[in-house]
C-alpha atoms as a PDB file:
ATOM      1  CA  MET A   1       0.000   0.000   0.000  1.00  0.00           C
ATOM      2  CA  ASN A   2       1.268   3.396  -0.928  1.00  0.00           C
ATOM      3  CA  ILE A   3       1.965   5.891   1.885  1.00  0.00           C
ATOM      4  CA  ALA A   4      -0.289   8.459   0.198  1.00  0.00           C
ATOM      5  CA  VAL A   5      -3.211   6.017   0.135  1.00  0.00           C
ATOM      6  CA  ALA A   6      -2.667   5.036   3.776  1.00  0.00           C
ATOM      7  CA  THR A   7      -2.478   8.696   4.797  1.00  0.00           C
ATOM      8  CA  TRP A   8      -5.666   9.431   2.858  1.00  0.00           C
ATOM      9  CA  LEU A   9      -7.475   6.543   4.594  1.00  0.00           C
ATOM     10  CA  VAL A  10      -6.363   7.733   8.024  1.00  0.00           C
ATOM     11  CA  HIS A  11      -7.609  11.239   7.256  1.00  0.00           C
ATOM     12  CA  LEU A  12     -10.912   9.784   6.079  1.00  0.00           C
ATOM     13  CA  VAL A  13     -11.329   7.889   9.374  1.00  0.00           C
ATOM     14  CA  TYR A  14     -10.424  11.036  11.325  1.00  0.00           C
ATOM     15  CA  ALA A  15     -13.060  13.012   9.418  1.00  0.00           C
ATOM     16  CA  TYR A  16     -15.694  10.325  10.030  1.00  0.00           C
ATOM     17  CA  VAL A  17     -15.014  10.223  13.780  1.00  0.00           C
ATOM     18  CA  THR A  18     -14.852  14.039  13.983  1.00  0.00           C
ATOM     19  CA  ILE A  19     -18.291  14.329  12.400  1.00  0.00           C
ATOM     20  CA  GLY A  20     -19.566  11.750  14.901  1.00  0.00           C
ATOM     21  CA  PHE A  21     -18.187  13.770  17.820  1.00  0.00           C
ATOM     22  CA  VAL A  22     -19.619  17.008  16.421  1.00  0.00           C
ATOM     23  CA  LEU A  23     -23.065  15.381  16.218  1.00  0.00           C
ATOM     24  CA  LEU A  24     -22.835  13.822  19.686  1.00  0.00           C
ATOM     25  CA  PRO A  25     -24.336  16.793  21.610  1.00  0.00           C
ATOM     26  CA  TRP A  26     -27.271  16.895  19.192  1.00  0.00           C
ATOM     27  CA  TRP A  27     -27.904  13.192  19.725  1.00  0.00           C
ATOM     28  CA  HIS A  28     -27.946  13.631  23.493  1.00  0.00           C
ATOM     29  CA  LEU A  29     -30.170  16.717  23.444  1.00  0.00           C
ATOM     30  CA  ARG A  30     -32.641  15.865  20.674  1.00  0.00           C
ATOM     31  CA  GLY A  31     -31.737  12.938  18.470  1.00  0.00           C
ATOM     32  CA  LEU A  32     -32.292  10.139  20.959  1.00  0.00           C
ATOM     33  CA  LYS A  33     -35.837  11.350  21.583  1.00  0.00           C
ATOM     34  CA  LYS A  34     -36.519  11.028  17.850  1.00  0.00           C
ATOM     35  CA  LEU A  35     -35.274   7.459  17.794  1.00  0.00           C
ATOM     36  CA  ASP A  36     -36.560   6.145  21.107  1.00  0.00           C
ATOM     37  CA  LEU A  37     -38.380   8.040  23.860  1.00  0.00           C
ATOM     38  CA  THR A  38     -37.058   5.748  26.578  1.00  0.00           C
ATOM     39  CA  ALA A  39     -33.452   6.247  25.468  1.00  0.00           C
ATOM     40  CA  GLY A  40     -34.044   9.995  25.251  1.00  0.00           C
ATOM     41  CA  LYS A  41     -34.993  10.077  28.925  1.00  0.00           C
ATOM     42  CA  GLY A  42     -32.067   7.919  30.040  1.00  0.00           C
ATOM     43  CA  PRO A  43     -29.653   8.990  32.779  1.00  0.00           C
ATOM     44  CA  ARG A  44     -26.165  10.366  32.139  1.00  0.00           C
ATOM     45  CA  GLY A  45     -24.518   7.012  32.727  1.00  0.00           C
ATOM     46  CA  PHE A  46     -26.601   5.404  30.009  1.00  0.00           C
ATOM     47  CA  ARG A  47     -25.831   8.237  27.605  1.00  0.00           C
ATOM     48  CA  LEU A  48     -22.133   7.892  28.361  1.00  0.00           C
ATOM     49  CA  LEU A  49     -22.293   4.169  27.612  1.00  0.00           C
ATOM     50  CA  ILE A  50     -23.992   4.605  24.239  1.00  0.00           C
ATOM     51  CA  SER A  51     -21.854   7.559  23.107  1.00  0.00           C
ATOM     52  CA  PRO A  52     -19.250   5.398  21.290  1.00  0.00           C
ATOM     53  CA  GLY A  53     -22.060   3.729  19.356  1.00  0.00           C
ATOM     54  CA  LEU A  54     -23.574   7.083  18.460  1.00  0.00           C
ATOM     55  CA  VAL A  55     -20.207   8.276  17.166  1.00  0.00           C
ATOM     56  CA  ALA A  56     -19.614   5.080  15.190  1.00  0.00           C
ATOM     57  CA  LEU A  57     -23.099   4.679  13.711  1.00  0.00           C
ATOM     58  CA  TRP A  58     -24.006   8.319  13.006  1.00  0.00           C
ATOM     59  CA  PRO A  59     -24.785   7.926   9.249  1.00  0.00           C
ATOM     60  CA  TRP A  60     -27.247   5.100   9.847  1.00  0.00           C
ATOM     61  CA  LEU A  61     -28.839   6.868  12.830  1.00  0.00           C
ATOM     62  CA  ILE A  62     -29.281  10.125  10.912  1.00  0.00           C
ATOM     63  CA  ARG A  63     -30.979   8.279   8.063  1.00  0.00           C
ATOM     64  CA  ARG A  64     -33.240   6.515  10.552  1.00  0.00           C
ATOM     65  CA  ALA A  65     -34.154   9.754  12.340  1.00  0.00           C
ATOM     66  CA  ALA A  66     -34.763  11.591   9.052  1.00  0.00           C
ATOM     67  CA  ARG A  67     -37.099   8.866   7.793  1.00  0.00           C
ATOM     68  CA  HIS A  68     -38.995   8.897  11.108  1.00  0.00           C
ATOM     69  CA  HIS A  69     -38.273   5.220  11.762  1.00  0.00           C
ATOM     70  CA  GLY A  70     -37.724   6.100  15.361  1.00  0.00           C
ATOM     71  CA  HIS A  71     -39.927   4.880  18.160  1.00  0.00           C
ATOM     72  CA  PRO A  72     -40.080   1.098  18.197  1.00  0.00           C
ATOM     73  CA  THR A  73     -43.544  -0.352  18.134  1.00  0.00           C
ATOM     74  CA  ALA A  74     -44.782  -2.036  21.270  1.00  0.00           C
ATOM     75  CA  GLU A  75     -44.695  -5.787  21.159  1.00  0.00           C
ATOM     76  CA  ASN A  76     -48.125  -7.321  20.677  1.00  0.00           C
ATOM     77  CA  ASN A  77     -48.344 -11.034  21.422  1.00  0.00           C
ATOM     78  CA  PRO A  78     -50.801 -13.444  23.101  1.00  0.00           C
ATOM     79  CA  HIS A  79     -48.964 -13.275  26.428  1.00  0.00           C
ATOM     80  CA  ARG A  80     -49.281  -9.472  26.623  1.00  0.00           C
ATOM     81  CA  ARG A  81     -52.924  -9.600  25.611  1.00  0.00           C
ATOM     82  CA  ALA A  82     -53.637 -12.270  28.276  1.00  0.00           C
ATOM     83  CA  ALA A  83     -51.902 -10.104  30.892  1.00  0.00           C
ATOM     84  CA  GLY A  84     -54.028  -7.129  29.889  1.00  0.00           C
ATOM     85  CA  VAL A  85     -51.055  -5.019  28.800  1.00  0.00           C
ATOM     86  CA  THR A  86     -52.127  -2.661  26.048  1.00  0.00           C
ATOM     87  CA  SER A  87     -49.760  -1.513  23.367  1.00  0.00           C
ATOM     88  CA  SER A  88     -49.347   2.216  22.865  1.00  0.00           C
END
């Protein structure tokens, strides 16, 4: 591998991670609520734990938030219906 190609790849990874870190405050303040209400209300420890994933998966998460594929649907199965748990 040529040094120029390796340098270019390293710069590309740096740019990717930098964009992830720039978007991180937005994810913690607003983005998580768009994807999952429960995650959006999570404590600081939880947010700290998921921060590396938010940085690494930012393109996929942005696409998901933009397409409004956020809040997961409540599970609806015979056991929940028998227990009288309603889905919201």
